[in-house]
PDB file of all heavy atoms in Angstrom:
ATOM      1  N   ILE A   1      -3.698  -3.636 -12.530  1.00  0.00           N
ATOM      2  CA  ILE A   1      -2.250  -3.743 -12.531  1.00  0.00           C
ATOM      3  C   ILE A   1      -1.704  -3.252 -13.789  1.00  0.00           C
ATOM      4  O   ILE A   1      -2.050  -3.654 -15.007  1.00  0.00           O
ATOM      5  CB  ILE A   1      -1.914  -5.280 -12.348  1.00  0.00           C
ATOM      6  CG1 ILE A   1      -2.597  -5.724 -11.100  1.00  0.00           C
ATOM      7  CG2 ILE A   1      -0.372  -5.524 -12.299  1.00  0.00           C
ATOM      8  CD1 ILE A   1      -2.460  -7.331 -10.906  1.00  0.00           C
ATOM      9  N   ASN A   2      -0.764  -2.312 -13.724  1.00  0.00           N
ATOM     10  CA  ASN A   2       0.009  -1.864 -14.975  1.00  0.00           C
ATOM     11  C   ASN A   2       1.329  -1.448 -14.677  1.00  0.00           C
ATOM     12  O   ASN A   2       1.844  -1.644 -13.523  1.00  0.00           O
ATOM     13  CB  ASN A   2      -0.805  -0.587 -15.543  1.00  0.00           C
ATOM     14  CG  ASN A   2      -0.955   0.486 -14.513  1.00  0.00           C
ATOM     15  OD1 ASN A   2      -0.130   0.648 -13.488  1.00  0.00           O
ATOM     16  ND2 ASN A   2      -1.877   1.427 -14.790  1.00  0.00           N
ATOM     17  N   ALA A   3       2.167  -1.071 -15.622  1.00  0.00           N
ATOM     18  CA  ALA A   3       3.452  -0.501 -15.543  1.00  0.00           C
ATOM     19  C   ALA A   3       3.808   0.591 -16.483  1.00  0.00           C
ATOM     20  O   ALA A   3       3.235   0.543 -17.649  1.00  0.00           O
ATOM     21  CB  ALA A   3       4.407  -1.730 -15.588  1.00  0.00           C
ATOM     22  N   LYS A   4       4.807   1.412 -16.182  1.00  0.00           N
ATOM     23  CA  LYS A   4       5.307   2.438 -17.072  1.00  0.00           C
ATOM     24  C   LYS A   4       6.854   2.605 -16.850  1.00  0.00           C
ATOM     25  O   LYS A   4       7.305   2.442 -15.596  1.00  0.00           O
ATOM     26  CB  LYS A   4       4.541   3.748 -16.971  1.00  0.00           C
ATOM     27  CG  LYS A   4       4.596   4.503 -15.583  1.00  0.00           C
ATOM     28  CD  LYS A   4       3.820   5.632 -15.729  1.00  0.00           C
ATOM     29  CE  LYS A   4       3.815   6.223 -14.304  1.00  0.00           C
ATOM     30  NZ  LYS A   4       3.020   7.595 -14.276  1.00  0.00           N
ATOM     31  N   ARG A   5       7.599   3.050 -17.812  1.00  0.00           N
ATOM     32  CA  ARG A   5       8.937   3.155 -17.731  1.00  0.00           C
ATOM     33  C   ARG A   5       9.291   4.626 -17.357  1.00  0.00           C
ATOM     34  O   ARG A   5       8.829   5.518 -18.000  1.00  0.00           O
ATOM     35  CB  ARG A   5       9.665   2.794 -18.927  1.00  0.00           C
ATOM     36  CG  ARG A   5      11.074   2.685 -18.869  1.00  0.00           C
ATOM     37  CD  ARG A   5      11.798   2.201 -20.149  1.00  0.00           C
ATOM     38  NE  ARG A   5      13.228   1.788 -19.982  1.00  0.00           N
ATOM     39  CZ  ARG A   5      14.186   2.756 -19.907  1.00  0.00           C
ATOM     40  NH1 ARG A   5      13.899   3.913 -20.044  1.00  0.00           N
ATOM     41  NH2 ARG A   5      15.405   2.380 -19.672  1.00  0.00           N
ATOM     42  N   GLU A   6       9.951   4.803 -16.242  1.00  0.00           N
ATOM     43  CA  GLU A   6      10.418   6.157 -15.771  1.00  0.00           C
ATOM     44  C   GLU A   6      11.847   6.119 -15.370  1.00  0.00           C
ATOM     45  O   GLU A   6      12.199   5.388 -14.475  1.00  0.00           O
ATOM     46  CB  GLU A   6       9.439   6.575 -14.563  1.00  0.00           C
ATOM     47  CG  GLU A   6       8.036   6.775 -15.033  1.00  0.00           C
ATOM     48  CD  GLU A   6       7.186   7.233 -13.757  1.00  0.00           C
ATOM     49  OE1 GLU A   6       7.668   7.404 -12.657  1.00  0.00           O
ATOM     50  OE2 GLU A   6       6.145   7.434 -13.910  1.00  0.00           O
ATOM     51  N   ASN A   7      12.603   6.924 -15.948  1.00  0.00           N
ATOM     52  CA  ASN A   7      14.022   7.206 -15.443  1.00  0.00           C
ATOM     53  C   ASN A   7      14.805   5.885 -15.325  1.00  0.00           C
ATOM     54  O   ASN A   7      15.365   5.537 -14.236  1.00  0.00           O
ATOM     55  CB  ASN A   7      14.038   8.058 -14.043  1.00  0.00           C
ATOM     56  CG  ASN A   7      13.399   9.389 -14.232  1.00  0.00           C
ATOM     57  OD1 ASN A   7      13.528  10.005 -15.310  1.00  0.00           O
ATOM     58  ND2 ASN A   7      12.704   9.762 -13.216  1.00  0.00           N
ATOM     59  N   GLU A   8      14.839   5.133 -16.413  1.00  0.00           N
ATOM     60  CA  GLU A   8      15.598   3.838 -16.367  1.00  0.00           C
ATOM     61  C   GLU A   8      15.117   2.873 -15.410  1.00  0.00           C
ATOM     62  O   GLU A   8      15.965   2.056 -14.949  1.00  0.00           O
ATOM     63  CB  GLU A   8      17.024   4.121 -16.258  1.00  0.00           C
ATOM     64  CG  GLU A   8      17.628   5.011 -17.458  1.00  0.00           C
ATOM     65  CD  GLU A   8      19.206   5.216 -17.210  1.00  0.00           C
ATOM     66  OE1 GLU A   8      19.794   4.735 -16.201  1.00  0.00           O
ATOM     67  OE2 GLU A   8      19.798   5.647 -18.195  1.00  0.00           O
ATOM     68  N   GLN A   9      13.755   2.911 -15.115  1.00  0.00           N
ATOM     69  CA  GLN A   9      13.338   1.896 -14.318  1.00  0.00           C
ATOM     70  C   GLN A   9      11.852   1.622 -14.613  1.00  0.00           C
ATOM     71  O   GLN A   9      11.189   2.489 -15.177  1.00  0.00           O
ATOM     72  CB  GLN A   9      13.422   2.196 -12.726  1.00  0.00           C
ATOM     73  CG  GLN A   9      12.679   3.582 -12.343  1.00  0.00           C
ATOM     74  CD  GLN A   9      12.890   3.960 -10.919  1.00  0.00           C
ATOM     75  OE1 GLN A   9      13.575   3.238 -10.197  1.00  0.00           O
ATOM     76  NE2 GLN A   9      12.292   4.936 -10.444  1.00  0.00           N
ATOM     77  N   TRP A  10      11.298   0.583 -14.227  1.00  0.00           N
ATOM     78  CA  TRP A  10       9.970   0.170 -14.555  1.00  0.00           C
ATOM     79  C   TRP A  10       9.160   0.397 -13.142  1.00  0.00           C
ATOM     80  O   TRP A  10       9.577  -0.010 -12.119  1.00  0.00           O
ATOM     81  CB  TRP A  10       9.621  -1.357 -14.883  1.00  0.00           C
ATOM     82  CG  TRP A  10      10.161  -1.557 -16.329  1.00  0.00           C
ATOM     83  CD1 TRP A  10      11.287  -1.944 -16.712  1.00  0.00           C
ATOM     84  CD2 TRP A  10       9.413  -1.237 -17.515  1.00  0.00           C
ATOM     85  NE1 TRP A  10      11.412  -2.080 -18.152  1.00  0.00           N
ATOM     86  CE2 TRP A  10      10.177  -1.512 -18.627  1.00  0.00           C
ATOM     87  CE3 TRP A  10       8.187  -0.598 -17.623  1.00  0.00           C
ATOM     88  CZ2 TRP A  10       9.749  -1.352 -19.839  1.00  0.00           C
ATOM     89  CZ3 TRP A  10       7.679  -0.414 -18.929  1.00  0.00           C
ATOM     90  CH2 TRP A  10       8.465  -0.767 -20.023  1.00  0.00           C
ATOM     91  N   VAL A  11       8.068   1.267 -13.257  1.00  0.00           N
ATOM     92  CA  VAL A  11       7.299   1.453 -12.077  1.00  0.00           C
ATOM     93  C   VAL A  11       5.979   0.660 -12.227  1.00  0.00           C
ATOM     94  O   VAL A  11       5.184   0.982 -13.191  1.00  0.00           O
ATOM     95  CB  VAL A  11       6.956   2.921 -11.891  1.00  0.00           C
ATOM     96  CG1 VAL A  11       5.988   3.194 -10.656  1.00  0.00           C
ATOM     97  CG2 VAL A  11       8.289   3.747 -11.628  1.00  0.00           C
ATOM     98  N   PHE A  12       5.685  -0.216 -11.328  1.00  0.00           N
ATOM     99  CA  PHE A  12       4.489  -1.029 -11.352  1.00  0.00           C
ATOM    100  C   PHE A  12       3.441  -0.442 -10.384  1.00  0.00           C
ATOM    101  O   PHE A  12       3.851   0.048  -9.440  1.00  0.00           O
ATOM    102  CB  PHE A  12       4.803  -2.517 -11.062  1.00  0.00           C
ATOM    103  CG  PHE A  12       5.681  -3.129 -12.037  1.00  0.00           C
ATOM    104  CD1 PHE A  12       7.066  -3.006 -11.892  1.00  0.00           C
ATOM    105  CD2 PHE A  12       5.217  -3.897 -13.164  1.00  0.00           C
ATOM    106  CE1 PHE A  12       8.007  -3.506 -12.866  1.00  0.00           C
ATOM    107  CE2 PHE A  12       6.056  -4.476 -14.049  1.00  0.00           C
ATOM    108  CZ  PHE A  12       7.501  -4.345 -13.911  1.00  0.00           C
ATOM    109  N   SER A  13       2.260  -0.687 -10.574  1.00  0.00           N
ATOM    110  CA  SER A  13       1.206  -0.115  -9.676  1.00  0.00           C
ATOM    111  C   SER A  13       0.004  -1.214  -9.610  1.00  0.00           C
ATOM    112  O   SER A  13      -0.220  -1.978 -10.614  1.00  0.00           O
ATOM    113  CB  SER A  13       0.592   1.105 -10.110  1.00  0.00           C
ATOM    114  OG  SER A  13      -0.127   1.054 -11.233  1.00  0.00           O
ATOM    115  N   VAL A  14      -0.531  -1.389  -8.392  1.00  0.00           N
ATOM    116  CA  VAL A  14      -1.588  -2.212  -8.101  1.00  0.00           C
ATOM    117  C   VAL A  14      -2.722  -1.378  -7.336  1.00  0.00           C
ATOM    118  O   VAL A  14      -2.426  -1.058  -6.270  1.00  0.00           O
ATOM    119  CB  VAL A  14      -1.178  -3.382  -7.259  1.00  0.00           C
ATOM    120  CG1 VAL A  14      -2.559  -4.306  -6.863  1.00  0.00           C
ATOM    121  CG2 VAL A  14      -0.231  -4.280  -7.877  1.00  0.00           C
ATOM    122  N   SER A  15      -3.753  -1.033  -7.990  1.00  0.00           N
ATOM    123  CA  SER A  15      -4.685  -0.115  -7.528  1.00  0.00           C
ATOM    124  C   SER A  15      -5.986  -0.923  -7.300  1.00  0.00           C
ATOM    125  O   SER A  15      -6.323  -1.856  -7.957  1.00  0.00           O
ATOM    126  CB  SER A  15      -4.980   1.082  -8.354  1.00  0.00           C
ATOM    127  OG  SER A  15      -5.418   0.674  -9.646  1.00  0.00           O
ATOM    128  N   ASP A  16      -6.785  -0.529  -6.332  1.00  0.00           N
ATOM    129  CA  ASP A  16      -8.007  -1.034  -5.820  1.00  0.00           C
ATOM    130  C   ASP A  16      -9.128  -0.101  -5.545  1.00  0.00           C
ATOM    131  O   ASP A  16      -8.865   1.198  -5.349  1.00  0.00           O
ATOM    132  CB  ASP A  16      -7.804  -2.073  -4.823  1.00  0.00           C
ATOM    133  CG  ASP A  16      -7.402  -1.378  -3.487  1.00  0.00           C
ATOM    134  OD1 ASP A  16      -8.128  -0.660  -2.992  1.00  0.00           O
ATOM    135  OD2 ASP A  16      -6.237  -1.740  -3.040  1.00  0.00           O
ATOM    136  N   ASN A  17     -10.320  -0.433  -5.368  1.00  0.00           N
ATOM    137  CA  ASN A  17     -11.417   0.362  -4.961  1.00  0.00           C
ATOM    138  C   ASN A  17     -11.954  -0.007  -3.446  1.00  0.00           C
ATOM    139  O   ASN A  17     -13.189   0.039  -3.197  1.00  0.00           O
ATOM    140  CB  ASN A  17     -12.545   0.334  -5.950  1.00  0.00           C
ATOM    141  CG  ASN A  17     -13.185  -1.125  -5.954  1.00  0.00           C
ATOM    142  OD1 ASN A  17     -12.569  -2.062  -5.543  1.00  0.00           O
ATOM    143  ND2 ASN A  17     -14.482  -1.335  -6.450  1.00  0.00           N
ATOM    144  N   GLY A  18     -10.927  -0.407  -2.652  1.00  0.00           N
ATOM    145  CA  GLY A  18     -11.224  -0.812  -1.404  1.00  0.00           C
ATOM    146  C   GLY A  18     -11.485   0.334  -0.289  1.00  0.00           C
ATOM    147  O   GLY A  18     -11.859   1.486  -0.709  1.00  0.00           O
ATOM    148  N   ILE A  19     -11.205   0.024   0.987  1.00  0.00           N
ATOM    149  CA  ILE A  19     -11.552   0.862   2.016  1.00  0.00           C
ATOM    150  C   ILE A  19     -10.529   2.018   2.070  1.00  0.00           C
ATOM    151  O   ILE A  19     -10.693   3.052   2.862  1.00  0.00           O
ATOM    152  CB  ILE A  19     -11.618   0.139   3.434  1.00  0.00           C
ATOM    153  CG1 ILE A  19     -10.284  -0.401   3.809  1.00  0.00           C
ATOM    154  CG2 ILE A  19     -12.751  -0.902   3.440  1.00  0.00           C
ATOM    155  CD1 ILE A  19     -10.284  -1.195   5.039  1.00  0.00           C
ATOM    156  N   GLY A  20      -9.378   1.963   1.562  1.00  0.00           N
ATOM    157  CA  GLY A  20      -8.383   2.956   1.563  1.00  0.00           C
ATOM    158  C   GLY A  20      -7.552   2.940   2.946  1.00  0.00           C
ATOM    159  O   GLY A  20      -7.815   2.206   3.708  1.00  0.00           O
ATOM    160  N   ILE A  21      -6.522   3.895   2.922  1.00  0.00           N
ATOM    161  CA  ILE A  21      -5.714   4.020   4.075  1.00  0.00           C
ATOM    162  C   ILE A  21      -5.588   5.589   4.400  1.00  0.00           C
ATOM    163  O   ILE A  21      -5.284   6.348   3.570  1.00  0.00           O
ATOM    164  CB  ILE A  21      -4.204   3.447   3.759  1.00  0.00           C
ATOM    165  CG1 ILE A  21      -4.354   1.942   3.215  1.00  0.00           C
ATOM    166  CG2 ILE A  21      -3.279   3.561   4.932  1.00  0.00           C
ATOM    167  CD1 ILE A  21      -3.150   1.378   2.716  1.00  0.00           C
ATOM    168  N   ASP A  22      -5.487   5.847   5.724  1.00  0.00           N
ATOM    169  CA  ASP A  22      -5.272   7.255   6.139  1.00  0.00           C
ATOM    170  C   ASP A  22      -3.830   7.497   5.819  1.00  0.00           C
ATOM    171  O   ASP A  22      -2.944   6.769   6.140  1.00  0.00           O
ATOM    172  CB  ASP A  22      -5.565   7.251   7.612  1.00  0.00           C
ATOM    173  CG  ASP A  22      -5.583   8.590   8.158  1.00  0.00           C
ATOM    174  OD1 ASP A  22      -4.670   9.423   7.834  1.00  0.00           O
ATOM    175  OD2 ASP A  22      -6.476   9.010   8.906  1.00  0.00           O
ATOM    176  N   PRO A  23      -3.573   8.702   5.127  1.00  0.00           N
ATOM    177  CA  PRO A  23      -2.125   9.078   4.770  1.00  0.00           C
ATOM    178  C   PRO A  23      -1.159   8.920   5.962  1.00  0.00           C
ATOM    179  O   PRO A  23       0.010   8.779   5.780  1.00  0.00           O
ATOM    180  CB  PRO A  23      -2.291  10.357   4.341  1.00  0.00           C
ATOM    181  CG  PRO A  23      -3.739  10.490   3.766  1.00  0.00           C
ATOM    182  CD  PRO A  23      -4.483   9.673   4.698  1.00  0.00           C
ATOM    183  N   LYS A  24      -1.675   9.109   7.276  1.00  0.00           N
ATOM    184  CA  LYS A  24      -0.770   9.072   8.401  1.00  0.00           C
ATOM    185  C   LYS A  24      -0.116   7.714   8.737  1.00  0.00           C
ATOM    186  O   LYS A  24       0.890   7.677   9.280  1.00  0.00           O
ATOM    187  CB  LYS A  24      -1.365   9.692   9.725  1.00  0.00           C
ATOM    188  CG  LYS A  24      -2.463   8.675  10.156  1.00  0.00           C
ATOM    189  CD  LYS A  24      -3.110   9.376  11.366  1.00  0.00           C
ATOM    190  CE  LYS A  24      -4.280   8.322  11.891  1.00  0.00           C
ATOM    191  NZ  LYS A  24      -4.805   8.912  13.242  1.00  0.00           N
ATOM    192  N   TYR A  25      -0.569   6.773   7.995  1.00  0.00           N
ATOM    193  CA  TYR A  25      -0.069   5.378   8.153  1.00  0.00           C
ATOM    194  C   TYR A  25       0.895   4.947   6.933  1.00  0.00           C
ATOM    195  O   TYR A  25       1.256   3.805   6.823  1.00  0.00           O
ATOM    196  CB  TYR A  25      -1.150   4.409   8.300  1.00  0.00           C
ATOM    197  CG  TYR A  25      -2.057   4.664   9.516  1.00  0.00           C
ATOM    198  CD1 TYR A  25      -3.272   4.946   9.418  1.00  0.00           C
ATOM    199  CD2 TYR A  25      -1.530   4.448  10.799  1.00  0.00           C
ATOM    200  CE1 TYR A  25      -4.144   5.199  10.548  1.00  0.00           C
ATOM    201  CE2 TYR A  25      -2.280   4.679  11.967  1.00  0.00           C
ATOM    202  CZ  TYR A  25      -3.553   5.050  11.820  1.00  0.00           C
ATOM    203  OH  TYR A  25      -4.301   5.201  12.988  1.00  0.00           O
ATOM    204  N   PHE A  26       1.051   5.734   6.021  1.00  0.00           N
ATOM    205  CA  PHE A  26       1.794   5.478   4.922  1.00  0.00           C
ATOM    206  C   PHE A  26       3.212   4.801   5.120  1.00  0.00           C
ATOM    207  O   PHE A  26       3.670   3.830   4.487  1.00  0.00           O
ATOM    208  CB  PHE A  26       2.106   6.656   3.865  1.00  0.00           C
ATOM    209  CG  PHE A  26       0.678   7.008   3.069  1.00  0.00           C
ATOM    210  CD1 PHE A  26       0.641   8.097   2.211  1.00  0.00           C
ATOM    211  CD2 PHE A  26      -0.396   6.183   3.282  1.00  0.00           C
ATOM    212  CE1 PHE A  26      -0.469   8.334   1.435  1.00  0.00           C
ATOM    213  CE2 PHE A  26      -1.605   6.553   2.626  1.00  0.00           C
ATOM    214  CZ  PHE A  26      -1.585   7.655   1.758  1.00  0.00           C
ATOM    215  N   GLU A  27       3.805   5.356   6.087  1.00  0.00           N
ATOM    216  CA  GLU A  27       5.130   4.841   6.404  1.00  0.00           C
ATOM    217  C   GLU A  27       5.156   3.511   7.330  1.00  0.00           C
ATOM    218  O   GLU A  27       5.764   2.546   7.140  1.00  0.00           O
ATOM    219  CB  GLU A  27       6.000   5.897   7.063  1.00  0.00           C
ATOM    220  CG  GLU A  27       6.168   7.033   6.203  1.00  0.00           C
ATOM    221  CD  GLU A  27       7.085   6.726   4.885  1.00  0.00           C
ATOM    222  OE1 GLU A  27       7.963   5.703   5.133  1.00  0.00           O
ATOM    223  OE2 GLU A  27       6.961   7.253   3.949  1.00  0.00           O
ATOM    224  N   THR A  28       4.210   3.652   8.268  1.00  0.00           N
ATOM    225  CA  THR A  28       4.245   2.408   9.255  1.00  0.00           C
ATOM    226  C   THR A  28       3.692   1.172   8.724  1.00  0.00           C
ATOM    227  O   THR A  28       4.062   0.074   9.203  1.00  0.00           O
ATOM    228  CB  THR A  28       3.364   2.912  10.449  1.00  0.00           C
ATOM    229  OG1 THR A  28       2.042   3.235   9.994  1.00  0.00           O
ATOM    230  CG2 THR A  28       3.920   4.116  11.134  1.00  0.00           C
ATOM    231  N   ILE A  29       2.833   1.211   7.655  1.00  0.00           N
ATOM    232  CA  ILE A  29       2.305  -0.042   7.204  1.00  0.00           C
ATOM    233  C   ILE A  29       3.406  -1.024   6.523  1.00  0.00           C
ATOM    234  O   ILE A  29       3.126  -2.157   6.423  1.00  0.00           O
ATOM    235  CB  ILE A  29       1.254   0.077   6.123  1.00  0.00           C
ATOM    236  CG1 ILE A  29       1.800   0.995   4.818  1.00  0.00           C
ATOM    237  CG2 ILE A  29       0.105   0.925   6.717  1.00  0.00           C
ATOM    238  CD1 ILE A  29       0.731   1.041   3.827  1.00  0.00           C
ATOM    239  N   PHE A  30       4.558  -0.494   6.242  1.00  0.00           N
ATOM    240  CA  PHE A  30       5.513  -1.301   5.601  1.00  0.00           C
ATOM    241  C   PHE A  30       6.587  -1.846   6.804  1.00  0.00           C
ATOM    242  O   PHE A  30       7.501  -2.489   6.412  1.00  0.00           O
ATOM    243  CB  PHE A  30       6.398  -0.513   4.558  1.00  0.00           C
ATOM    244  CG  PHE A  30       5.581  -0.168   3.361  1.00  0.00           C
ATOM    245  CD1 PHE A  30       5.125   1.175   3.087  1.00  0.00           C
ATOM    246  CD2 PHE A  30       5.316  -1.137   2.469  1.00  0.00           C
ATOM    247  CE1 PHE A  30       4.408   1.435   2.136  1.00  0.00           C
ATOM    248  CE2 PHE A  30       4.394  -0.781   1.313  1.00  0.00           C
ATOM    249  CZ  PHE A  30       4.001   0.649   1.078  1.00  0.00           C
ATOM    250  N   GLN A  31       6.236  -1.542   7.957  1.00  0.00           N
ATOM    251  CA  GLN A  31       7.067  -2.029   9.052  1.00  0.00           C
ATOM    252  C   GLN A  31       6.416  -3.375   9.621  1.00  0.00           C
ATOM    253  O   GLN A  31       5.250  -3.608   9.396  1.00  0.00           O
ATOM    254  CB  GLN A  31       7.195  -1.009  10.208  1.00  0.00           C
ATOM    255  CG  GLN A  31       7.862   0.291   9.822  1.00  0.00           C
ATOM    256  CD  GLN A  31       7.638   1.438  10.863  1.00  0.00           C
ATOM    257  OE1 GLN A  31       7.356   0.986  12.026  1.00  0.00           O
ATOM    258  NE2 GLN A  31       7.997   2.581  10.546  1.00  0.00           N
ATOM    259  N   MET A  32       7.245  -4.138  10.194  1.00  0.00           N
ATOM    260  CA  MET A  32       6.839  -5.354  10.654  1.00  0.00           C
ATOM    261  C   MET A  32       5.884  -5.255  11.826  1.00  0.00           C
ATOM    262  O   MET A  32       6.063  -4.349  12.648  1.00  0.00           O
ATOM    263  CB  MET A  32       8.082  -6.324  11.207  1.00  0.00           C
ATOM    264  CG  MET A  32       8.996  -6.721  10.043  1.00  0.00           C
ATOM    265  SD  MET A  32      10.293  -7.784  10.528  1.00  0.00           S
ATOM    266  CE  MET A  32       9.455  -9.192  11.418  1.00  0.00           C
ATOM    267  N   PHE A  33       4.899  -6.091  11.926  1.00  0.00           N
ATOM    268  CA  PHE A  33       3.979  -6.256  13.015  1.00  0.00           C
ATOM    269  C   PHE A  33       3.139  -5.008  13.094  1.00  0.00           C
ATOM    270  O   PHE A  33       2.393  -4.728  14.109  1.00  0.00           O
ATOM    271  CB  PHE A  33       4.538  -6.529  14.303  1.00  0.00           C
ATOM    272  CG  PHE A  33       5.541  -7.556  14.328  1.00  0.00           C
ATOM    273  CD1 PHE A  33       6.896  -7.456  14.528  1.00  0.00           C
ATOM    274  CD2 PHE A  33       5.150  -8.902  14.074  1.00  0.00           C
ATOM    275  CE1 PHE A  33       7.743  -8.489  14.542  1.00  0.00           C
ATOM    276  CE2 PHE A  33       5.866 -10.096  14.185  1.00  0.00           C
ATOM    277  CZ  PHE A  33       7.370  -9.853  14.263  1.00  0.00           C
ATOM    278  N   GLN A  34       2.961  -4.183  11.955  1.00  0.00           N
ATOM    279  CA  GLN A  34       2.116  -2.938  12.117  1.00  0.00           C
ATOM    280  C   GLN A  34       0.717  -3.385  11.642  1.00  0.00           C
ATOM    281  O   GLN A  34       0.635  -3.724  10.445  1.00  0.00           O
ATOM    282  CB  GLN A  34       2.746  -1.943  11.351  1.00  0.00           C
ATOM    283  CG  GLN A  34       4.035  -1.310  11.870  1.00  0.00           C
ATOM    284  CD  GLN A  34       3.950  -0.854  13.289  1.00  0.00           C
ATOM    285  OE1 GLN A  34       2.953   0.019  13.569  1.00  0.00           O
ATOM    286  NE2 GLN A  34       4.915  -1.265  14.121  1.00  0.00           N
ATOM    287  N   ARG A  35      -0.213  -3.303  12.446  1.00  0.00           N
ATOM    288  CA  ARG A  35      -1.574  -3.619  12.026  1.00  0.00           C
ATOM    289  C   ARG A  35      -2.503  -2.363  12.286  1.00  0.00           C
ATOM    290  O   ARG A  35      -2.465  -1.747  13.287  1.00  0.00           O
ATOM    291  CB  ARG A  35      -2.221  -4.703  12.929  1.00  0.00           C
ATOM    292  CG  ARG A  35      -1.438  -6.101  12.628  1.00  0.00           C
ATOM    293  CD  ARG A  35      -2.031  -7.161  13.701  1.00  0.00           C
ATOM    294  NE  ARG A  35      -3.449  -7.298  13.515  1.00  0.00           N
ATOM    295  CZ  ARG A  35      -3.928  -8.196  12.701  1.00  0.00           C
ATOM    296  NH1 ARG A  35      -3.317  -8.953  12.035  1.00  0.00           N
ATOM    297  NH2 ARG A  35      -5.258  -8.270  12.630  1.00  0.00           N
ATOM    298  N   LEU A  36      -3.215  -2.028  11.292  1.00  0.00           N
ATOM    299  CA  LEU A  36      -4.222  -0.925  11.390  1.00  0.00           C
ATOM    300  C   LEU A  36      -5.540  -1.381  11.962  1.00  0.00           C
ATOM    301  O   LEU A  36      -6.348  -0.505  12.369  1.00  0.00           O
ATOM    302  CB  LEU A  36      -4.432  -0.226  10.050  1.00  0.00           C
ATOM    303  CG  LEU A  36      -3.077   0.227   9.367  1.00  0.00           C
ATOM    304  CD1 LEU A  36      -3.500   0.964   7.943  1.00  0.00           C
ATOM    305  CD2 LEU A  36      -2.373   1.127  10.185  1.00  0.00           C
ATOM    306  N   PHE A  37      -5.728  -2.748  12.016  1.00  0.00           N
ATOM    307  CA  PHE A  37      -7.035  -3.245  12.388  1.00  0.00           C
ATOM    308  C   PHE A  37      -6.831  -4.282  13.445  1.00  0.00           C
ATOM    309  O   PHE A  37      -5.826  -4.964  13.490  1.00  0.00           O
ATOM    310  CB  PHE A  37      -7.887  -3.760  11.246  1.00  0.00           C
ATOM    311  CG  PHE A  37      -8.098  -2.683  10.207  1.00  0.00           C
ATOM    312  CD1 PHE A  37      -7.349  -2.569   9.141  1.00  0.00           C
ATOM    313  CD2 PHE A  37      -9.166  -1.751  10.325  1.00  0.00           C
ATOM    314  CE1 PHE A  37      -7.499  -1.812   8.026  1.00  0.00           C
ATOM    315  CE2 PHE A  37      -9.474  -0.802   9.320  1.00  0.00           C
ATOM    316  CZ  PHE A  37      -8.482  -0.810   8.126  1.00  0.00           C
ATOM    317  N   THR A  38      -7.933  -4.636  14.270  1.00  0.00           N
ATOM    318  CA  THR A  38      -7.795  -5.762  15.130  1.00  0.00           C
ATOM    319  C   THR A  38      -7.801  -7.059  14.444  1.00  0.00           C
ATOM    320  O   THR A  38      -8.373  -7.203  13.255  1.00  0.00           O
ATOM    321  CB  THR A  38      -8.866  -5.683  16.291  1.00  0.00           C
ATOM    322  OG1 THR A  38     -10.074  -5.885  15.529  1.00  0.00           O
ATOM    323  CG2 THR A  38      -8.850  -4.323  16.958  1.00  0.00           C
ATOM    324  N   ARG A  39      -7.492  -8.220  15.219  1.00  0.00           N
ATOM    325  CA  ARG A  39      -7.367  -9.404  14.527  1.00  0.00           C
ATOM    326  C   ARG A  39      -8.887  -9.840  14.301  1.00  0.00           C
ATOM    327  O   ARG A  39      -9.248 -10.671  13.427  1.00  0.00           O
ATOM    328  CB  ARG A  39      -6.767 -10.445  15.389  1.00  0.00           C
ATOM    329  CG  ARG A  39      -6.545 -11.772  14.837  1.00  0.00           C
ATOM    330  CD  ARG A  39      -5.543 -12.640  15.568  1.00  0.00           C
ATOM    331  NE  ARG A  39      -5.786 -12.788  16.876  1.00  0.00           N
ATOM    332  CZ  ARG A  39      -5.019 -12.236  17.934  1.00  0.00           C
ATOM    333  NH1 ARG A  39      -3.913 -11.714  17.537  1.00  0.00           N
ATOM    334  NH2 ARG A  39      -5.243 -12.377  19.186  1.00  0.00           N
ATOM    335  N   GLU A  40      -9.844  -9.437  15.053  1.00  0.00           N
ATOM    336  CA  GLU A  40     -11.281  -9.711  14.884  1.00  0.00           C
ATOM    337  C   GLU A  40     -11.851  -9.172  13.622  1.00  0.00           C
ATOM    338  O   GLU A  40     -12.683  -9.660  13.000  1.00  0.00           O
ATOM    339  CB  GLU A  40     -12.068  -9.322  16.148  1.00  0.00           C
ATOM    340  CG  GLU A  40     -11.877 -10.144  17.425  1.00  0.00           C
ATOM    341  CD  GLU A  40     -10.573  -9.973  18.008  1.00  0.00           C
ATOM    342  OE1 GLU A  40     -10.042  -8.740  17.803  1.00  0.00           O
ATOM    343  OE2 GLU A  40     -10.068 -10.787  18.665  1.00  0.00           O
ATOM    344  N   GLU A  41     -11.241  -7.958  13.215  1.00  0.00           N
ATOM    345  CA  GLU A  41     -11.700  -7.274  11.975  1.00  0.00           C
ATOM    346  C   GLU A  41     -11.032  -7.892  10.795  1.00  0.00           C
ATOM    347  O   GLU A  41     -11.844  -8.121   9.810  1.00  0.00           O
ATOM    348  CB  GLU A  41     -11.471  -5.635  12.141  1.00  0.00           C
ATOM    349  CG  GLU A  41     -12.185  -5.094  13.152  1.00  0.00           C
ATOM    350  CD  GLU A  41     -11.754  -3.570  13.235  1.00  0.00           C
ATOM    351  OE1 GLU A  41     -10.431  -3.344  13.601  1.00  0.00           O
ATOM    352  OE2 GLU A  41     -12.545  -2.670  13.131  1.00  0.00           O
ATOM    353  N   TYR A  42      -9.827  -8.088  10.809  1.00  0.00           N
ATOM    354  CA  TYR A  42      -9.006  -8.738   9.561  1.00  0.00           C
ATOM    355  C   TYR A  42      -7.989  -9.585  10.130  1.00  0.00           C
ATOM    356  O   TYR A  42      -7.241  -9.226  11.032  1.00  0.00           O
ATOM    357  CB  TYR A  42      -8.424  -7.653   8.747  1.00  0.00           C
ATOM    358  CG  TYR A  42      -9.458  -6.690   8.059  1.00  0.00           C
ATOM    359  CD1 TYR A  42      -9.826  -5.524   8.597  1.00  0.00           C
ATOM    360  CD2 TYR A  42     -10.108  -7.036   6.849  1.00  0.00           C
ATOM    361  CE1 TYR A  42     -10.722  -4.591   8.005  1.00  0.00           C
ATOM    362  CE2 TYR A  42     -10.884  -6.265   6.266  1.00  0.00           C
ATOM    363  CZ  TYR A  42     -11.262  -5.074   6.782  1.00  0.00           C
ATOM    364  OH  TYR A  42     -12.319  -4.170   6.191  1.00  0.00           O
TER     365      TYR A  42
END
């Protein structure tokens, strides 16, 4: 977890070494009820 100042704003980041996300889901994951996996998996 870190932060840096860019253009009069603070940009924070939370990075991990997990399973990752396919780029085609970058927009949909922030929508309500959007699941990339079944309930049995996660």
